[in-house]
């Protein structure tokens, strides 16, 4: 799959088949995350892979989504990834803490690699952080960036509609429309 196919095919998946994750594919996803850029090349993030059903089921109870899609996805998927980051290992400039971006970029690299490998994911960020940290023995100095189930999609729903570029992309100044032209 070429890069733009990966971008076009990536979507949040809430239903999974029970198929196991191929170790070669998993290794490719991990390597993609590890190649993500970080602030001043400081790698403040760490990855926790969850395969234990009891742990995933327990963690699902700490998801704060208004519906049960994310909870059920976490329970159904054969595996999940938790991305954590240590603020002290990254940097801060003008009140902006870069550990969040470092972890988010690593998670996005992982998610895009999962799509390229034929797996579905769902970024989950609304969670009870302290409960999950206790469940997974995550040290206090780390923050949870996000969680994603990983597995073969059991969905046939199309991707959400494409966003209108005129509403989101500007040229030089806010609200100055970018002139989107197709060659």
Foldseek 3Di string as FASTA:
>chain_A
DDLVVLVQQAAAFQAFDADDDDVVLQVQLQVLLVPFDAAVNQQFKDKDKDQDLVLLQVQLVFADDPDSSQSNSSNRFRMKMWMKGFQVSHDDDPRDGRRLVSRVRSVVSSQSSLSVVQKHKHWGDRGDFVVNCVSVVPDPRMGINTMMGIHHHPDDDHHPDDDDQQVPDAPPDPNHGDDDDDD
